[in-house]
């Protein structure tokens, strides 16, 4: 008997390339804000471990800064 070819399966290289977009889980660490590409990434440490990671536009970051200044001052 000959082998049956499964034509519905996608090649592994295509499947792996699609999965490569997943980001690794971030560990604990200090509050960080960095510019990455066209966005601003903020990493906020959480009680109980881990960090909240938020990507913001420049306008959103400015609005967040203004809102925080109003609360703190």
PDB file of N, CA and C in Angstrom:
ATOM      1  N   UNK A   1       0.827  -1.182   0.000  1.00  0.00           N
ATOM      2  CA  UNK A   1       0.000   0.000   0.000  1.00  0.00           C
ATOM      3  C   UNK A   1       0.873   1.248   0.000  1.00  0.00           C
ATOM      4  N   UNK A   2       0.503   2.227  -0.779  1.00  0.00           N
ATOM      5  CA  UNK A   2       1.273   3.463  -0.851  1.00  0.00           C
ATOM      6  C   UNK A   2       0.916   4.422   0.278  1.00  0.00           C
ATOM      7  N   UNK A   3       1.779   5.400   0.485  1.00  0.00           N
ATOM      8  CA  UNK A   3       1.522   6.404   1.526  1.00  0.00           C
ATOM      9  C   UNK A   3       0.475   7.404   1.048  1.00  0.00           C
ATOM     10  N   UNK A   4      -0.335   7.870   1.976  1.00  0.00           N
ATOM     11  CA  UNK A   4      -1.355   8.864   1.663  1.00  0.00           C
ATOM     12  C   UNK A   4      -0.807  10.235   2.037  1.00  0.00           C
ATOM     13  N   UNK A   5      -0.868  11.157   1.107  1.00  0.00           N
ATOM     14  CA  UNK A   5      -0.361  12.511   1.356  1.00  0.00           C
ATOM     15  C   UNK A   5      -1.494  13.376   1.904  1.00  0.00           C
ATOM     16  N   UNK A   6      -1.227  14.074   2.989  1.00  0.00           N
ATOM     17  CA  UNK A   6      -2.220  14.966   3.573  1.00  0.00           C
ATOM     18  C   UNK A   6      -1.980  16.365   3.026  1.00  0.00           C
ATOM     19  N   UNK A   7      -2.831  16.803   2.121  1.00  0.00           N
ATOM     20  CA  UNK A   7      -2.631  18.100   1.471  1.00  0.00           C
ATOM     21  C   UNK A   7      -3.249  19.246   2.257  1.00  0.00           C
ATOM     22  N   UNK A   8      -3.998  18.955   3.299  1.00  0.00           N
ATOM     23  CA  UNK A   8      -4.636  20.006   4.091  1.00  0.00           C
ATOM     24  C   UNK A   8      -3.714  20.580   5.161  1.00  0.00           C
ATOM     25  N   UNK A   9      -2.646  19.891   5.485  1.00  0.00           N
ATOM     26  CA  UNK A   9      -1.724  20.390   6.514  1.00  0.00           C
ATOM     27  C   UNK A   9      -0.846  21.476   5.944  1.00  0.00           C
ATOM     28  N   UNK A  10      -0.670  22.545   6.728  1.00  0.00           N
ATOM     29  CA  UNK A  10       0.217  23.619   6.290  1.00  0.00           C
ATOM     30  C   UNK A  10       1.657  23.245   6.622  1.00  0.00           C
ATOM     31  N   UNK A  11       2.614  23.704   5.856  1.00  0.00           N
ATOM     32  CA  UNK A  11       4.018  23.409   6.154  1.00  0.00           C
ATOM     33  C   UNK A  11       4.416  23.979   7.510  1.00  0.00           C
ATOM     34  N   UNK A  12       5.318  23.281   8.205  1.00  0.00           N
ATOM     35  CA  UNK A  12       5.752  23.728   9.533  1.00  0.00           C
ATOM     36  C   UNK A  12       6.348  25.123   9.502  1.00  0.00           C
ATOM     37  N   UNK A  13       7.094  25.475   8.473  1.00  0.00           N
ATOM     38  CA  UNK A  13       7.726  26.798   8.400  1.00  0.00           C
ATOM     39  C   UNK A  13       6.678  27.903   8.421  1.00  0.00           C
ATOM     40  N   UNK A  14       5.565  27.713   7.724  1.00  0.00           N
ATOM     41  CA  UNK A  14       4.504  28.730   7.720  1.00  0.00           C
ATOM     42  C   UNK A  14       3.837  28.829   9.078  1.00  0.00           C
ATOM     43  N   UNK A  15       3.599  27.691   9.717  1.00  0.00           N
ATOM     44  CA  UNK A  15       2.968  27.685  11.036  1.00  0.00           C
ATOM     45  C   UNK A  15       3.892  28.344  12.053  1.00  0.00           C
ATOM     46  N   UNK A  16       5.189  28.040  12.022  1.00  0.00           N
ATOM     47  CA  UNK A  16       6.151  28.627  12.958  1.00  0.00           C
ATOM     48  C   UNK A  16       6.292  30.122  12.741  1.00  0.00           C
ATOM     49  N   UNK A  17       6.261  30.588  11.504  1.00  0.00           N
ATOM     50  CA  UNK A  17       6.389  32.019  11.224  1.00  0.00           C
ATOM     51  C   UNK A  17       5.203  32.775  11.802  1.00  0.00           C
ATOM     52  N   UNK A  18       4.028  32.195  11.747  1.00  0.00           N
ATOM     53  CA  UNK A  18       2.850  32.858  12.296  1.00  0.00           C
ATOM     54  C   UNK A  18       2.921  32.908  13.819  1.00  0.00           C
ATOM     55  N   UNK A  19       3.446  31.881  14.439  1.00  0.00           N
ATOM     56  CA  UNK A  19       3.541  31.830  15.892  1.00  0.00           C
ATOM     57  C   UNK A  19       4.660  32.711  16.424  1.00  0.00           C
ATOM     58  N   UNK A  20       5.607  33.085  15.591  1.00  0.00           N
ATOM     59  CA  UNK A  20       6.744  33.882  16.048  1.00  0.00           C
ATOM     60  C   UNK A  20       6.325  35.263  16.518  1.00  0.00           C
ATOM     61  N   UNK A  21       5.132  35.715  16.162  1.00  0.00           N
ATOM     62  CA  UNK A  21       4.671  37.036  16.575  1.00  0.00           C
ATOM     63  C   UNK A  21       4.309  37.081  18.057  1.00  0.00           C
ATOM     64  N   UNK A  22       4.163  35.933  18.690  1.00  0.00           N
ATOM     65  CA  UNK A  22       3.826  35.916  20.110  1.00  0.00           C
ATOM     66  C   UNK A  22       4.990  36.465  20.923  1.00  0.00           C
ATOM     67  N   UNK A  23       4.677  37.286  21.921  1.00  0.00           N
ATOM     68  CA  UNK A  23       5.723  37.902  22.729  1.00  0.00           C
ATOM     69  C   UNK A  23       5.979  37.050  23.966  1.00  0.00           C
ATOM     70  N   UNK A  24       7.238  36.983  24.394  1.00  0.00           N
ATOM     71  CA  UNK A  24       7.521  36.223  25.609  1.00  0.00           C
ATOM     72  C   UNK A  24       6.911  36.909  26.828  1.00  0.00           C
ATOM     73  N   UNK A  25       6.593  36.127  27.819  1.00  0.00           N
ATOM     74  CA  UNK A  25       6.039  36.668  29.059  1.00  0.00           C
ATOM     75  C   UNK A  25       7.110  37.482  29.767  1.00  0.00           C
ATOM     76  N   UNK A  26       6.740  38.654  30.274  1.00  0.00           N
ATOM     77  CA  UNK A  26       7.723  39.495  30.961  1.00  0.00           C
ATOM     78  C   UNK A  26       7.779  39.111  32.426  1.00  0.00           C
ATOM     79  N   UNK A  27       8.949  39.176  33.004  1.00  0.00           N
ATOM     80  CA  UNK A  27       9.124  38.867  34.413  1.00  0.00           C
ATOM     81  C   UNK A  27       8.945  40.100  35.268  1.00  0.00           C
ATOM     82  N   UNK A  28       9.251  39.951  36.547  1.00  0.00           N
ATOM     83  CA  UNK A  28       9.191  41.091  37.457  1.00  0.00           C
ATOM     84  C   UNK A  28      10.281  42.080  37.090  1.00  0.00           C
ATOM     85  N   UNK A  29      10.112  43.307  37.483  1.00  0.00           N
ATOM     86  CA  UNK A  29      11.128  44.312  37.213  1.00  0.00           C
ATOM     87  C   UNK A  29      10.623  45.688  37.594  1.00  0.00           C
ATOM     88  N   UNK A  30      11.452  46.689  37.397  1.00  0.00           N
ATOM     89  CA  UNK A  30      11.070  48.052  37.757  1.00  0.00           C
ATOM     90  C   UNK A  30      10.089  48.646  36.739  1.00  0.00           C
ATOM     91  N   UNK A  31       9.506  49.786  37.092  1.00  0.00           N
ATOM     92  CA  UNK A  31       8.686  50.530  36.144  1.00  0.00           C
ATOM     93  C   UNK A  31       9.592  50.951  35.004  1.00  0.00           C
ATOM     94  N   UNK A  32       9.185  50.671  33.785  1.00  0.00           N
ATOM     95  CA  UNK A  32       9.989  51.004  32.604  1.00  0.00           C
ATOM     96  C   UNK A  32       9.106  51.644  31.557  1.00  0.00           C
ATOM     97  N   UNK A  33       9.638  52.631  30.863  1.00  0.00           N
ATOM     98  CA  UNK A  33       8.967  53.199  29.699  1.00  0.00           C
ATOM     99  C   UNK A  33      10.021  53.327  28.611  1.00  0.00           C
ATOM    100  N   UNK A  34       9.786  52.693  27.468  1.00  0.00           N
ATOM    101  CA  UNK A  34      10.747  52.734  26.368  1.00  0.00           C
ATOM    102  C   UNK A  34      10.026  53.030  25.061  1.00  0.00           C
ATOM    103  N   UNK A  35      10.764  53.613  24.126  1.00  0.00           N
ATOM    104  CA  UNK A  35      10.229  53.846  22.784  1.00  0.00           C
ATOM    105  C   UNK A  35      10.633  52.644  21.942  1.00  0.00           C
ATOM    106  N   UNK A  36       9.655  51.970  21.389  1.00  0.00           N
ATOM    107  CA  UNK A  36       9.907  50.792  20.560  1.00  0.00           C
ATOM    108  C   UNK A  36       9.178  50.979  19.243  1.00  0.00           C
ATOM    109  N   UNK A  37       9.938  51.172  18.187  1.00  0.00           N
ATOM    110  CA  UNK A  37       9.324  51.430  16.887  1.00  0.00           C
ATOM    111  C   UNK A  37       8.598  52.763  16.919  1.00  0.00           C
ATOM    112  N   UNK A  38       7.336  52.755  16.507  1.00  0.00           N
ATOM    113  CA  UNK A  38       6.545  53.994  16.508  1.00  0.00           C
ATOM    114  C   UNK A  38       5.755  54.167  17.795  1.00  0.00           C
ATOM    115  N   UNK A  39       5.786  53.182  18.684  1.00  0.00           N
ATOM    116  CA  UNK A  39       5.005  53.243  19.915  1.00  0.00           C
ATOM    117  C   UNK A  39       5.865  53.425  21.147  1.00  0.00           C
ATOM    118  N   UNK A  40       5.209  53.652  22.263  1.00  0.00           N
ATOM    119  CA  UNK A  40       5.853  53.776  23.568  1.00  0.00           C
ATOM    120  C   UNK A  40       5.336  52.609  24.396  1.00  0.00           C
ATOM    121  N   UNK A  41       6.249  51.841  24.999  1.00  0.00           N
ATOM    122  CA  UNK A  41       5.865  50.672  25.780  1.00  0.00           C
ATOM    123  C   UNK A  41       6.134  50.954  27.249  1.00  0.00           C
ATOM    124  N   UNK A  42       5.096  50.779  28.066  1.00  0.00           N
ATOM    125  CA  UNK A  42       5.198  50.998  29.508  1.00  0.00           C
ATOM    126  C   UNK A  42       5.029  49.649  30.202  1.00  0.00           C
ATOM    127  N   UNK A  43       5.954  49.328  31.102  1.00  0.00           N
ATOM    128  CA  UNK A  43       5.894  48.081  31.870  1.00  0.00           C
ATOM    129  C   UNK A  43       5.774  48.446  33.343  1.00  0.00           C
ATOM    130  N   UNK A  44       4.644  48.089  33.944  1.00  0.00           N
ATOM    131  CA  UNK A  44       4.343  48.457  35.328  1.00  0.00           C
ATOM    132  C   UNK A  44       4.364  47.196  36.183  1.00  0.00           C
ATOM    133  N   UNK A  45       5.219  47.156  37.238  1.00  0.00           N
ATOM    134  CA  UNK A  45       5.235  45.976  38.109  1.00  0.00           C
ATOM    135  C   UNK A  45       3.904  45.831  38.862  1.00  0.00           C
ATOM    136  N   UNK A  46       3.462  44.598  39.049  1.00  0.00           N
ATOM    137  CA  UNK A  46       2.198  44.321  39.731  1.00  0.00           C
ATOM    138  C   UNK A  46       2.442  43.623  41.058  1.00  0.00           C
ATOM    139  N   UNK A  47       1.564  43.875  42.021  1.00  0.00           N
ATOM    140  CA  UNK A  47       1.636  43.140  43.282  1.00  0.00           C
ATOM    141  C   UNK A  47       1.361  41.675  42.978  1.00  0.00           C
ATOM    142  N   UNK A  48       2.111  40.799  43.576  1.00  0.00           N
ATOM    143  CA  UNK A  48       1.939  39.381  43.319  1.00  0.00           C
ATOM    144  C   UNK A  48       2.800  38.868  42.179  1.00  0.00           C
ATOM    145  N   UNK A  49       3.562  39.753  41.548  1.00  0.00           N
ATOM    146  CA  UNK A  49       4.478  39.344  40.490  1.00  0.00           C
ATOM    147  C   UNK A  49       3.993  39.693  39.102  1.00  0.00           C
ATOM    148  N   UNK A  50       4.920  39.707  38.192  1.00  0.00           N
ATOM    149  CA  UNK A  50       4.622  40.032  36.806  1.00  0.00           C
ATOM    150  C   UNK A  50       4.550  41.527  36.573  1.00  0.00           C
ATOM    151  N   UNK A  51       4.342  41.890  35.335  1.00  0.00           N
ATOM    152  CA  UNK A  51       4.225  43.299  34.976  1.00  0.00           C
ATOM    153  C   UNK A  51       3.095  43.477  33.978  1.00  0.00           C
ATOM    154  N   UNK A  52       2.424  44.614  34.074  1.00  0.00           N
ATOM    155  CA  UNK A  52       1.425  45.015  33.095  1.00  0.00           C
ATOM    156  C   UNK A  52       2.175  45.709  31.974  1.00  0.00           C
ATOM    157  N   UNK A  53       1.998  45.257  30.744  1.00  0.00           N
ATOM    158  CA  UNK A  53       2.694  45.846  29.601  1.00  0.00           C
ATOM    159  C   UNK A  53       1.654  46.522  28.717  1.00  0.00           C
ATOM    160  N   UNK A  54       1.842  47.837  28.485  1.00  0.00           N
ATOM    161  CA  UNK A  54       0.894  48.630  27.707  1.00  0.00           C
ATOM    162  C   UNK A  54       1.651  49.363  26.614  1.00  0.00           C
ATOM    163  N   UNK A  55       1.158  49.287  25.378  1.00  0.00           N
ATOM    164  CA  UNK A  55       1.745  50.048  24.280  1.00  0.00           C
ATOM    165  C   UNK A  55       0.866  51.262  24.024  1.00  0.00           C
ATOM    166  N   UNK A  56       1.486  52.445  23.972  1.00  0.00           N
ATOM    167  CA  UNK A  56       0.776  53.709  23.818  1.00  0.00           C
ATOM    168  C   UNK A  56       1.304  54.477  22.623  1.00  0.00           C
ATOM    169  N   UNK A  57       0.444  55.295  22.040  1.00  0.00           N
ATOM    170  CA  UNK A  57       0.911  56.256  21.037  1.00  0.00           C
ATOM    171  C   UNK A  57       1.474  57.459  21.793  1.00  0.00           C
ATOM    172  N   UNK A  58       2.137  58.363  21.093  1.00  0.00           N
ATOM    173  CA  UNK A  58       2.686  59.566  21.731  1.00  0.00           C
ATOM    174  C   UNK A  58       1.561  60.404  22.343  1.00  0.00           C
ATOM    175  N   UNK A  59       0.437  60.526  21.658  1.00  0.00           N
ATOM    176  CA  UNK A  59      -0.700  61.295  22.182  1.00  0.00           C
ATOM    177  C   UNK A  59      -1.270  60.656  23.448  1.00  0.00           C
ATOM    178  N   UNK A  60      -1.383  59.335  23.447  1.00  0.00           N
ATOM    179  CA  UNK A  60      -1.895  58.636  24.629  1.00  0.00           C
ATOM    180  C   UNK A  60      -0.944  58.785  25.809  1.00  0.00           C
ATOM    181  N   UNK A  61       0.358  58.707  25.553  1.00  0.00           N
ATOM    182  CA  UNK A  61       1.345  58.861  26.622  1.00  0.00           C
ATOM    183  C   UNK A  61       1.286  60.270  27.204  1.00  0.00           C
ATOM    184  N   UNK A  62       1.124  61.266  26.356  1.00  0.00           N
ATOM    185  CA  UNK A  62       1.019  62.649  26.814  1.00  0.00           C
ATOM    186  C   UNK A  62      -0.231  62.838  27.673  1.00  0.00           C
ATOM    187  N   UNK A  63      -1.354  62.287  27.234  1.00  0.00           N
ATOM    188  CA  UNK A  63      -2.601  62.384  27.998  1.00  0.00           C
ATOM    189  C   UNK A  63      -2.473  61.667  29.340  1.00  0.00           C
ATOM    190  N   UNK A  64      -1.813  60.519  29.357  1.00  0.00           N
ATOM    191  CA  UNK A  64      -1.589  59.790  30.604  1.00  0.00           C
ATOM    192  C   UNK A  64      -0.723  60.612  31.547  1.00  0.00           C
ATOM    193  N   UNK A  65       0.344  61.227  31.014  1.00  0.00           N
ATOM    194  CA  UNK A  65       1.211  62.079  31.833  1.00  0.00           C
ATOM    195  C   UNK A  65       0.444  63.234  32.449  1.00  0.00           C
ATOM    196  N   UNK A  66      -0.406  63.888  31.663  1.00  0.00           N
ATOM    197  CA  UNK A  66      -1.221  64.998  32.177  1.00  0.00           C
ATOM    198  C   UNK A  66      -2.175  64.519  33.269  1.00  0.00           C
ATOM    199  N   UNK A  67      -2.816  63.375  33.049  1.00  0.00           N
ATOM    200  CA  UNK A  67      -3.759  62.835  34.033  1.00  0.00           C
ATOM    201  C   UNK A  67      -3.045  62.495  35.340  1.00  0.00           C
ATOM    202  N   UNK A  68      -1.851  61.921  35.250  1.00  0.00           N
ATOM    203  CA  UNK A  68      -1.089  61.583  36.457  1.00  0.00           C
ATOM    204  C   UNK A  68      -0.637  62.841  37.194  1.00  0.00           C
ATOM    205  N   UNK A  69      -0.217  63.860  36.454  1.00  0.00           N
ATOM    206  CA  UNK A  69       0.195  65.123  37.087  1.00  0.00           C
ATOM    207  C   UNK A  69      -0.962  65.750  37.850  1.00  0.00           C
ATOM    208  N   UNK A  70      -2.167  65.695  37.301  1.00  0.00           N
ATOM    209  CA  UNK A  70      -3.341  66.257  37.977  1.00  0.00           C
ATOM    210  C   UNK A  70      -3.653  65.532  39.280  1.00  0.00           C
ATOM    211  N   UNK A  71      -3.413  64.247  39.325  1.00  0.00           N
ATOM    212  CA  UNK A  71      -3.697  63.462  40.527  1.00  0.00           C
ATOM    213  C   UNK A  71      -2.610  63.660  41.581  1.00  0.00           C
ATOM    214  N   UNK A  72      -1.365  63.739  41.160  1.00  0.00           N
ATOM    215  CA  UNK A  72      -0.234  63.821  42.085  1.00  0.00           C
ATOM    216  C   UNK A  72      -0.079  65.224  42.666  1.00  0.00           C
ATOM    217  N   UNK A  73      -0.309  66.270  41.886  1.00  0.00           N
ATOM    218  CA  UNK A  73      -0.062  67.634  42.374  1.00  0.00           C
ATOM    219  C   UNK A  73      -1.214  68.217  43.150  1.00  0.00           C
TER     220      UNK A  73
END
